Amino acid sequence: AEHYALNSRFILGDTDYSESQRNAMPPVSWPLVRTHAGSGRKFLFIGAHAGHIEGRPVAEGRMLLAELLEHATQRKFVYRHSWKVGDLVMW
């Protein structure tokens, strides 16, 4: 999938970036499915920064990404932390 740092901003309507700002963060390609080095388990590498899936029509790729993101962000898959003094959470 093609990942572009500003894509998540564009989705929210925040498009006021100069050409030099846009060029400072060019899109990069990452596999849609990756393998965790420690466990060997497969995982989806997606987020609002992923704009489309290379090799697919843009509209089709965006629809698939939206469906995958909706699935991956279901409450049962999302960690929610109840903060206490002294907590440190790393992502």
PDB file of N, CA and C in Angstrom:
ATOM      1  N   ALA A   1       0.850  -1.182   0.000  1.00  0.00           N
ATOM      2  CA  ALA A   1       0.000   0.000   0.000  1.00  0.00           C
ATOM      3  C   ALA A   1       0.890   1.238   0.000  1.00  0.00           C
ATOM      4  N   GLU A   2       0.389   2.282  -0.620  1.00  0.00           N
ATOM      5  CA  GLU A   2       1.124   3.545  -0.605  1.00  0.00           C
ATOM      6  C   GLU A   2       0.703   4.334   0.633  1.00  0.00           C
ATOM      7  N   HIS A   3       1.697   4.729   1.421  1.00  0.00           N
ATOM      8  CA  HIS A   3       1.466   5.498   2.641  1.00  0.00           C
ATOM      9  C   HIS A   3       1.993   6.916   2.431  1.00  0.00           C
ATOM     10  N   TYR A   4       1.189   7.874   2.820  1.00  0.00           N
ATOM     11  CA  TYR A   4       1.571   9.282   2.668  1.00  0.00           C
ATOM     12  C   TYR A   4       1.200   9.990   3.962  1.00  0.00           C
ATOM     13  N   ALA A   5       2.180  10.567   4.623  1.00  0.00           N
ATOM     14  CA  ALA A   5       1.967  11.162   5.941  1.00  0.00           C
ATOM     15  C   ALA A   5       0.826  12.175   5.966  1.00  0.00           C
ATOM     16  N   LEU A   6       0.646  12.911   4.887  1.00  0.00           N
ATOM     17  CA  LEU A   6      -0.389  13.947   4.875  1.00  0.00           C
ATOM     18  C   LEU A   6      -1.769  13.414   4.504  1.00  0.00           C
ATOM     19  N   ASN A   7      -1.851  12.175   4.066  1.00  0.00           N
ATOM     20  CA  ASN A   7      -3.141  11.628   3.647  1.00  0.00           C
ATOM     21  C   ASN A   7      -4.188  11.730   4.755  1.00  0.00           C
ATOM     22  N   SER A   8      -3.804  11.410   5.986  1.00  0.00           N
ATOM     23  CA  SER A   8      -4.769  11.477   7.089  1.00  0.00           C
ATOM     24  C   SER A   8      -5.229  12.909   7.325  1.00  0.00           C
ATOM     25  N   ARG A   9      -4.381  13.877   7.058  1.00  0.00           N
ATOM     26  CA  ARG A   9      -4.760  15.293   7.187  1.00  0.00           C
ATOM     27  C   ARG A   9      -5.727  15.693   6.075  1.00  0.00           C
ATOM     28  N   PHE A  10      -5.445  15.206   4.870  1.00  0.00           N
ATOM     29  CA  PHE A  10      -6.310  15.529   3.725  1.00  0.00           C
ATOM     30  C   PHE A  10      -7.727  15.013   3.945  1.00  0.00           C
ATOM     31  N   ILE A  11      -7.847  13.815   4.528  1.00  0.00           N
ATOM     32  CA  ILE A  11      -9.162  13.230   4.797  1.00  0.00           C
ATOM     33  C   ILE A  11      -9.991  14.159   5.679  1.00  0.00           C
ATOM     34  N   LEU A  12      -9.334  14.849   6.596  1.00  0.00           N
ATOM     35  CA  LEU A  12     -10.018  15.769   7.512  1.00  0.00           C
ATOM     36  C   LEU A  12     -10.214  17.155   6.914  1.00  0.00           C
ATOM     37  N   GLY A  13      -9.772  17.347   5.672  1.00  0.00           N
ATOM     38  CA  GLY A  13      -9.941  18.631   5.004  1.00  0.00           C
ATOM     39  C   GLY A  13      -8.789  19.595   5.216  1.00  0.00           C
ATOM     40  N   ASP A  14      -7.748  19.159   5.903  1.00  0.00           N
ATOM     41  CA  ASP A  14      -6.574  20.000   6.151  1.00  0.00           C
ATOM     42  C   ASP A  14      -5.625  19.858   4.962  1.00  0.00           C
ATOM     43  N   THR A  15      -5.794  20.708   3.970  1.00  0.00           N
ATOM     44  CA  THR A  15      -5.022  20.584   2.725  1.00  0.00           C
ATOM     45  C   THR A  15      -4.107  21.774   2.462  1.00  0.00           C
ATOM     46  N   ASP A  16      -3.964  22.656   3.416  1.00  0.00           N
ATOM     47  CA  ASP A  16      -3.199  23.887   3.215  1.00  0.00           C
ATOM     48  C   ASP A  16      -1.709  23.656   3.475  1.00  0.00           C
ATOM     49  N   TYR A  17      -1.061  22.959   2.551  1.00  0.00           N
ATOM     50  CA  TYR A  17       0.369  22.682   2.651  1.00  0.00           C
ATOM     51  C   TYR A  17       1.051  23.176   1.388  1.00  0.00           C
ATOM     52  N   SER A  18       2.207  23.787   1.562  1.00  0.00           N
ATOM     53  CA  SER A  18       2.955  24.274   0.404  1.00  0.00           C
ATOM     54  C   SER A  18       3.531  23.081  -0.357  1.00  0.00           C
ATOM     55  N   GLU A  19       3.953  23.346  -1.570  1.00  0.00           N
ATOM     56  CA  GLU A  19       4.554  22.287  -2.380  1.00  0.00           C
ATOM     57  C   GLU A  19       5.805  21.744  -1.703  1.00  0.00           C
ATOM     58  N   SER A  20       6.601  22.622  -1.082  1.00  0.00           N
ATOM     59  CA  SER A  20       7.818  22.148  -0.415  1.00  0.00           C
ATOM     60  C   SER A  20       7.476  21.281   0.798  1.00  0.00           C
ATOM     61  N   GLN A  21       6.399  21.619   1.517  1.00  0.00           N
ATOM     62  CA  GLN A  21       5.976  20.778   2.639  1.00  0.00           C
ATOM     63  C   GLN A  21       5.509  19.409   2.144  1.00  0.00           C
ATOM     64  N   ARG A  22       4.762  19.409   1.054  1.00  0.00           N
ATOM     65  CA  ARG A  22       4.279  18.144   0.487  1.00  0.00           C
ATOM     66  C   ARG A  22       5.450  17.290  -0.015  1.00  0.00           C
ATOM     67  N   ASN A  23       6.409  17.922  -0.649  1.00  0.00           N
ATOM     68  CA  ASN A  23       7.558  17.197  -1.196  1.00  0.00           C
ATOM     69  C   ASN A  23       8.513  16.702  -0.117  1.00  0.00           C
ATOM     70  N   ALA A  24       8.465  17.322   1.069  1.00  0.00           N
ATOM     71  CA  ALA A  24       9.353  16.918   2.160  1.00  0.00           C
ATOM     72  C   ALA A  24       8.979  15.548   2.718  1.00  0.00           C
ATOM     73  N   MET A  25       7.742  15.117   2.450  1.00  0.00           N
ATOM     74  CA  MET A  25       7.267  13.826   2.955  1.00  0.00           C
ATOM     75  C   MET A  25       6.666  13.022   1.808  1.00  0.00           C
ATOM     76  N   PRO A  26       7.492  12.518   0.909  1.00  0.00           N
ATOM     77  CA  PRO A  26       6.947  11.794  -0.249  1.00  0.00           C
ATOM     78  C   PRO A  26       6.266  10.490   0.168  1.00  0.00           C
ATOM     79  N   PRO A  27       5.329  10.017  -0.645  1.00  0.00           N
ATOM     80  CA  PRO A  27       4.685   8.732  -0.360  1.00  0.00           C
ATOM     81  C   PRO A  27       5.709   7.596  -0.376  1.00  0.00           C
ATOM     82  N   VAL A  28       5.459   6.584   0.432  1.00  0.00           N
ATOM     83  CA  VAL A  28       6.322   5.401   0.472  1.00  0.00           C
ATOM     84  C   VAL A  28       5.454   4.146   0.372  1.00  0.00           C
ATOM     85  N   SER A  29       6.034   3.088  -0.122  1.00  0.00           N
ATOM     86  CA  SER A  29       5.324   1.815  -0.259  1.00  0.00           C
ATOM     87  C   SER A  29       5.706   0.877   0.876  1.00  0.00           C
ATOM     88  N   TRP A  30       4.691   0.261   1.460  1.00  0.00           N
ATOM     89  CA  TRP A  30       4.891  -0.742   2.501  1.00  0.00           C
ATOM     90  C   TRP A  30       3.964  -1.910   2.202  1.00  0.00           C
ATOM     91  N   PRO A  31       4.387  -3.123   2.529  1.00  0.00           N
ATOM     92  CA  PRO A  31       3.489  -4.267   2.347  1.00  0.00           C
ATOM     93  C   PRO A  31       2.231  -4.087   3.196  1.00  0.00           C
ATOM     94  N   LEU A  32       1.105  -4.498   2.673  1.00  0.00           N
ATOM     95  CA  LEU A  32      -0.162  -4.406   3.393  1.00  0.00           C
ATOM     96  C   LEU A  32      -0.185  -5.391   4.562  1.00  0.00           C
ATOM     97  N   VAL A  33       0.429  -6.538   4.365  1.00  0.00           N
ATOM     98  CA  VAL A  33       0.534  -7.547   5.422  1.00  0.00           C
ATOM     99  C   VAL A  33       2.010  -7.723   5.736  1.00  0.00           C
ATOM    100  N   ARG A  34       2.347  -7.603   7.018  1.00  0.00           N
ATOM    101  CA  ARG A  34       3.734  -7.758   7.449  1.00  0.00           C
ATOM    102  C   ARG A  34       3.818  -8.886   8.464  1.00  0.00           C
ATOM    103  N   THR A  35       5.030  -9.268   8.802  1.00  0.00           N
ATOM    104  CA  THR A  35       5.251 -10.337   9.775  1.00  0.00           C
ATOM    105  C   THR A  35       5.972  -9.771  10.987  1.00  0.00           C
ATOM    106  N   HIS A  36       5.417 -10.001  12.171  1.00  0.00           N
ATOM    107  CA  HIS A  36       6.031  -9.538  13.414  1.00  0.00           C
ATOM    108  C   HIS A  36       7.324 -10.318  13.644  1.00  0.00           C
ATOM    109  N   ALA A  37       8.416  -9.600  13.858  1.00  0.00           N
ATOM    110  CA  ALA A  37       9.730 -10.236  13.975  1.00  0.00           C
ATOM    111  C   ALA A  37       9.813 -11.188  15.167  1.00  0.00           C
ATOM    112  N   GLY A  38       9.182 -10.842  16.266  1.00  0.00           N
ATOM    113  CA  GLY A  38       9.275 -11.674  17.465  1.00  0.00           C
ATOM    114  C   GLY A  38       8.379 -12.891  17.453  1.00  0.00           C
ATOM    115  N   SER A  39       7.145 -12.716  17.028  1.00  0.00           N
ATOM    116  CA  SER A  39       6.167 -13.809  17.100  1.00  0.00           C
ATOM    117  C   SER A  39       5.984 -14.557  15.787  1.00  0.00           C
ATOM    118  N   GLY A  40       6.358 -13.924  14.681  1.00  0.00           N
ATOM    119  CA  GLY A  40       6.133 -14.531  13.374  1.00  0.00           C
ATOM    120  C   GLY A  40       4.697 -14.409  12.891  1.00  0.00           C
ATOM    121  N   ARG A  41       3.843 -13.731  13.687  1.00  0.00           N
ATOM    122  CA  ARG A  41       2.435 -13.576  13.310  1.00  0.00           C
ATOM    123  C   ARG A  41       2.288 -12.494  12.245  1.00  0.00           C
ATOM    124  N   LYS A  42       1.331 -12.690  11.371  1.00  0.00           N
ATOM    125  CA  LYS A  42       1.028 -11.713  10.322  1.00  0.00           C
ATOM    126  C   LYS A  42       0.159 -10.605  10.913  1.00  0.00           C
ATOM    127  N   PHE A  43       0.343  -9.375  10.411  1.00  0.00           N
ATOM    128  CA  PHE A  43      -0.499  -8.268  10.847  1.00  0.00           C
ATOM    129  C   PHE A  43      -0.714  -7.297   9.699  1.00  0.00           C
ATOM    130  N   LEU A  44      -1.826  -6.571   9.779  1.00  0.00           N
ATOM    131  CA  LEU A  44      -2.130  -5.547   8.783  1.00  0.00           C
ATOM    132  C   LEU A  44      -1.341  -4.291   9.104  1.00  0.00           C
ATOM    133  N   PHE A  45      -0.738  -3.709   8.110  1.00  0.00           N
ATOM    134  CA  PHE A  45      -0.003  -2.459   8.278  1.00  0.00           C
ATOM    135  C   PHE A  45      -0.797  -1.383   7.548  1.00  0.00           C
ATOM    136  N   ILE A  46      -1.796  -0.853   8.249  1.00  0.00           N
ATOM    137  CA  ILE A  46      -2.700   0.125   7.648  1.00  0.00           C
ATOM    138  C   ILE A  46      -2.917   1.277   8.615  1.00  0.00           C
ATOM    139  N   GLY A  47      -3.583   2.281   8.152  1.00  0.00           N
ATOM    140  CA  GLY A  47      -3.944   3.439   8.957  1.00  0.00           C
ATOM    141  C   GLY A  47      -4.470   4.511   8.027  1.00  0.00           C
ATOM    142  N   ALA A  48      -4.852   5.627   8.595  1.00  0.00           N
ATOM    143  CA  ALA A  48      -5.411   6.716   7.787  1.00  0.00           C
ATOM    144  C   ALA A  48      -4.383   7.299   6.827  1.00  0.00           C
ATOM    145  N   HIS A  49      -3.114   7.002   7.050  1.00  0.00           N
ATOM    146  CA  HIS A  49      -2.055   7.492   6.164  1.00  0.00           C
ATOM    147  C   HIS A  49      -1.937   6.653   4.887  1.00  0.00           C
ATOM    148  N   ALA A  50      -2.536   5.464   4.874  1.00  0.00           N
ATOM    149  CA  ALA A  50      -2.502   4.622   3.669  1.00  0.00           C
ATOM    150  C   ALA A  50      -3.552   5.131   2.690  1.00  0.00           C
ATOM    151  N   GLY A  51      -3.122   5.465   1.483  1.00  0.00           N
ATOM    152  CA  GLY A  51      -4.027   6.086   0.522  1.00  0.00           C
ATOM    153  C   GLY A  51      -4.636   5.140  -0.487  1.00  0.00           C
ATOM    154  N   HIS A  52      -3.862   4.180  -0.940  1.00  0.00           N
ATOM    155  CA  HIS A  52      -4.393   3.213  -1.901  1.00  0.00           C
ATOM    156  C   HIS A  52      -3.472   2.003  -1.962  1.00  0.00           C
ATOM    157  N   ILE A  53      -3.956   0.962  -2.608  1.00  0.00           N
ATOM    158  CA  ILE A  53      -3.190  -0.271  -2.743  1.00  0.00           C
ATOM    159  C   ILE A  53      -2.618  -0.313  -4.150  1.00  0.00           C
ATOM    160  N   GLU A  54      -1.323  -0.364  -4.217  1.00  0.00           N
ATOM    161  CA  GLU A  54      -0.661  -0.375  -5.520  1.00  0.00           C
ATOM    162  C   GLU A  54      -1.045  -1.627  -6.304  1.00  0.00           C
ATOM    163  N   GLY A  55      -1.241  -1.446  -7.596  1.00  0.00           N
ATOM    164  CA  GLY A  55      -1.607  -2.555  -8.453  1.00  0.00           C
ATOM    165  C   GLY A  55      -3.106  -2.783  -8.556  1.00  0.00           C
ATOM    166  N   ARG A  56      -3.885  -1.985  -7.839  1.00  0.00           N
ATOM    167  CA  ARG A  56      -5.349  -2.059  -7.910  1.00  0.00           C
ATOM    168  C   ARG A  56      -5.869  -0.708  -8.367  1.00  0.00           C
ATOM    169  N   PRO A  57      -7.040  -0.675  -8.971  1.00  0.00           N
ATOM    170  CA  PRO A  57      -7.635   0.627  -9.277  1.00  0.00           C
ATOM    171  C   PRO A  57      -7.760   1.438  -7.981  1.00  0.00           C
ATOM    172  N   VAL A  58      -7.484   2.737  -8.044  1.00  0.00           N
ATOM    173  CA  VAL A  58      -7.444   3.570  -6.841  1.00  0.00           C
ATOM    174  C   VAL A  58      -8.731   3.448  -6.029  1.00  0.00           C
ATOM    175  N   ALA A  59      -9.887   3.566  -6.665  1.00  0.00           N
ATOM    176  CA  ALA A  59     -11.162   3.509  -5.932  1.00  0.00           C
ATOM    177  C   ALA A  59     -11.330   2.161  -5.227  1.00  0.00           C
ATOM    178  N   GLU A  60     -10.989   1.083  -5.917  1.00  0.00           N
ATOM    179  CA  GLU A  60     -11.106  -0.261  -5.334  1.00  0.00           C
ATOM    180  C   GLU A  60     -10.166  -0.410  -4.141  1.00  0.00           C
ATOM    181  N   GLY A  61      -8.931   0.054  -4.292  1.00  0.00           N
ATOM    182  CA  GLY A  61      -7.955  -0.024  -3.206  1.00  0.00           C
ATOM    183  C   GLY A  61      -8.365   0.791  -2.000  1.00  0.00           C
ATOM    184  N   ARG A  62      -8.913   1.972  -2.242  1.00  0.00           N
ATOM    185  CA  ARG A  62      -9.364   2.817  -1.131  1.00  0.00           C
ATOM    186  C   ARG A  62     -10.536   2.181  -0.393  1.00  0.00           C
ATOM    187  N   MET A  63     -11.445   1.552  -1.146  1.00  0.00           N
ATOM    188  CA  MET A  63     -12.573   0.875  -0.503  1.00  0.00           C
ATOM    189  C   MET A  63     -12.085  -0.281   0.366  1.00  0.00           C
ATOM    190  N   LEU A  64     -11.141  -1.056  -0.150  1.00  0.00           N
ATOM    191  CA  LEU A  64     -10.607  -2.173   0.625  1.00  0.00           C
ATOM    192  C   LEU A  64      -9.901  -1.659   1.877  1.00  0.00           C
ATOM    193  N   LEU A  65      -9.098  -0.611   1.749  1.00  0.00           N
ATOM    194  CA  LEU A  65      -8.425  -0.042   2.915  1.00  0.00           C
ATOM    195  C   LEU A  65      -9.434   0.437   3.950  1.00  0.00           C
ATOM    196  N   ALA A  66     -10.500   1.087   3.507  1.00  0.00           N
ATOM    197  CA  ALA A  66     -11.533   1.569   4.434  1.00  0.00           C
ATOM    198  C   ALA A  66     -12.184   0.397   5.164  1.00  0.00           C
ATOM    199  N   GLU A  67     -12.473  -0.675   4.446  1.00  0.00           N
ATOM    200  CA  GLU A  67     -13.074  -1.862   5.071  1.00  0.00           C
ATOM    201  C   GLU A  67     -12.114  -2.501   6.077  1.00  0.00           C
ATOM    202  N   LEU A  68     -10.845  -2.606   5.709  1.00  0.00           N
ATOM    203  CA  LEU A  68      -9.855  -3.189   6.614  1.00  0.00           C
ATOM    204  C   LEU A  68      -9.669  -2.329   7.855  1.00  0.00           C
ATOM    205  N   LEU A  69      -9.636  -1.014   7.675  1.00  0.00           N
ATOM    206  CA  LEU A  69      -9.471  -0.107   8.809  1.00  0.00           C
ATOM    207  C   LEU A  69     -10.686  -0.168   9.734  1.00  0.00           C
ATOM    208  N   GLU A  70     -11.870  -0.238   9.144  1.00  0.00           N
ATOM    209  CA  GLU A  70     -13.086  -0.356   9.955  1.00  0.00           C
ATOM    210  C   GLU A  70     -13.056  -1.655  10.765  1.00  0.00           C
ATOM    211  N   HIS A  71     -12.615  -2.735  10.137  1.00  0.00           N
ATOM    212  CA  HIS A  71     -12.517  -4.020  10.835  1.00  0.00           C
ATOM    213  C   HIS A  71     -11.472  -3.945  11.957  1.00  0.00           C
ATOM    214  N   ALA A  72     -10.299  -3.423  11.640  1.00  0.00           N
ATOM    215  CA  ALA A  72      -9.186  -3.415  12.592  1.00  0.00           C
ATOM    216  C   ALA A  72      -9.426  -2.504  13.785  1.00  0.00           C
ATOM    217  N   THR A  73     -10.275  -1.501  13.635  1.00  0.00           N
ATOM    218  CA  THR A  73     -10.496  -0.551  14.728  1.00  0.00           C
ATOM    219  C   THR A  73     -11.776  -0.842  15.510  1.00  0.00           C
ATOM    220  N   GLN A  74     -12.305  -2.050  15.357  1.00  0.00           N
ATOM    221  CA  GLN A  74     -13.433  -2.448  16.195  1.00  0.00           C
ATOM    222  C   GLN A  74     -12.996  -2.416  17.655  1.00  0.00           C
ATOM    223  N   ARG A  75     -13.920  -2.095  18.522  1.00  0.00           N
ATOM    224  CA  ARG A  75     -13.618  -1.983  19.952  1.00  0.00           C
ATOM    225  C   ARG A  75     -12.872  -3.217  20.481  1.00  0.00           C
ATOM    226  N   LYS A  76     -13.239  -4.411  19.999  1.00  0.00           N
ATOM    227  CA  LYS A  76     -12.606  -5.632  20.519  1.00  0.00           C
ATOM    228  C   LYS A  76     -11.130  -5.746  20.143  1.00  0.00           C
ATOM    229  N   PHE A  77     -10.672  -4.969  19.166  1.00  0.00           N
ATOM    230  CA  PHE A  77      -9.278  -5.020  18.749  1.00  0.00           C
ATOM    231  C   PHE A  77      -8.453  -3.826  19.233  1.00  0.00           C
ATOM    232  N   VAL A  78      -9.091  -2.857  19.878  1.00  0.00           N
ATOM    233  CA  VAL A  78      -8.412  -1.619  20.261  1.00  0.00           C
ATOM    234  C   VAL A  78      -8.109  -1.630  21.755  1.00  0.00           C
ATOM    235  N   TYR A  79      -6.872  -1.343  22.104  1.00  0.00           N
ATOM    236  CA  TYR A  79      -6.486  -1.249  23.510  1.00  0.00           C
ATOM    237  C   TYR A  79      -6.878   0.121  24.041  1.00  0.00           C
ATOM    238  N   ARG A  80      -7.561   0.136  25.158  1.00  0.00           N
ATOM    239  CA  ARG A  80      -7.907   1.384  25.836  1.00  0.00           C
ATOM    240  C   ARG A  80      -7.263   1.333  27.211  1.00  0.00           C
ATOM    241  N   HIS A  81      -6.557   2.376  27.540  1.00  0.00           N
ATOM    242  CA  HIS A  81      -5.817   2.411  28.796  1.00  0.00           C
ATOM    243  C   HIS A  81      -6.524   3.291  29.813  1.00  0.00           C
ATOM    244  N   SER A  82      -6.672   2.779  31.022  1.00  0.00           N
ATOM    245  CA  SER A  82      -7.191   3.583  32.136  1.00  0.00           C
ATOM    246  C   SER A  82      -5.976   4.135  32.870  1.00  0.00           C
ATOM    247  N   TRP A  83      -5.743   5.416  32.697  1.00  0.00           N
ATOM    248  CA  TRP A  83      -4.528   6.040  33.205  1.00  0.00           C
ATOM    249  C   TRP A  83      -4.514   6.135  34.723  1.00  0.00           C
ATOM    250  N   LYS A  84      -3.326   5.869  35.282  1.00  0.00           N
ATOM    251  CA  LYS A  84      -3.058   6.068  36.697  1.00  0.00           C
ATOM    252  C   LYS A  84      -1.747   6.852  36.783  1.00  0.00           C
ATOM    253  N   VAL A  85      -1.563   7.572  37.860  1.00  0.00           N
ATOM    254  CA  VAL A  85      -0.341   8.351  38.052  1.00  0.00           C
ATOM    255  C   VAL A  85       0.867   7.424  37.917  1.00  0.00           C
ATOM    256  N   GLY A  86       1.836   7.846  37.125  1.00  0.00           N
ATOM    257  CA  GLY A  86       3.060   7.080  36.938  1.00  0.00           C
ATOM    258  C   GLY A  86       3.036   6.123  35.759  1.00  0.00           C
ATOM    259  N   ASP A  87       1.903   6.013  35.081  1.00  0.00           N
ATOM    260  CA  ASP A  87       1.809   5.116  33.925  1.00  0.00           C
ATOM    261  C   ASP A  87       2.651   5.625  32.758  1.00  0.00           C
ATOM    262  N   LEU A  88       3.190   4.690  32.018  1.00  0.00           N
ATOM    263  CA  LEU A  88       3.894   4.975  30.776  1.00  0.00           C
ATOM    264  C   LEU A  88       3.427   3.937  29.765  1.00  0.00           C
ATOM    265  N   VAL A  89       2.894   4.405  28.656  1.00  0.00           N
ATOM    266  CA  VAL A  89       2.428   3.500  27.614  1.00  0.00           C
ATOM    267  C   VAL A  89       3.244   3.771  26.364  1.00  0.00           C
ATOM    268  N   MET A  90       3.794   2.715  25.794  1.00  0.00           N
ATOM    269  CA  MET A  90       4.570   2.860  24.560  1.00  0.00           C
ATOM    270  C   MET A  90       3.838   2.139  23.452  1.00  0.00           C
ATOM    271  N   TRP A  91       3.846   2.724  22.267  1.00  0.00           N
ATOM    272  CA  TRP A  91       3.147   2.147  21.120  1.00  0.00           C
ATOM    273  C   TRP A  91       4.124   1.771  20.058  1.00  0.00           C
TER     274      TRP A  91
END
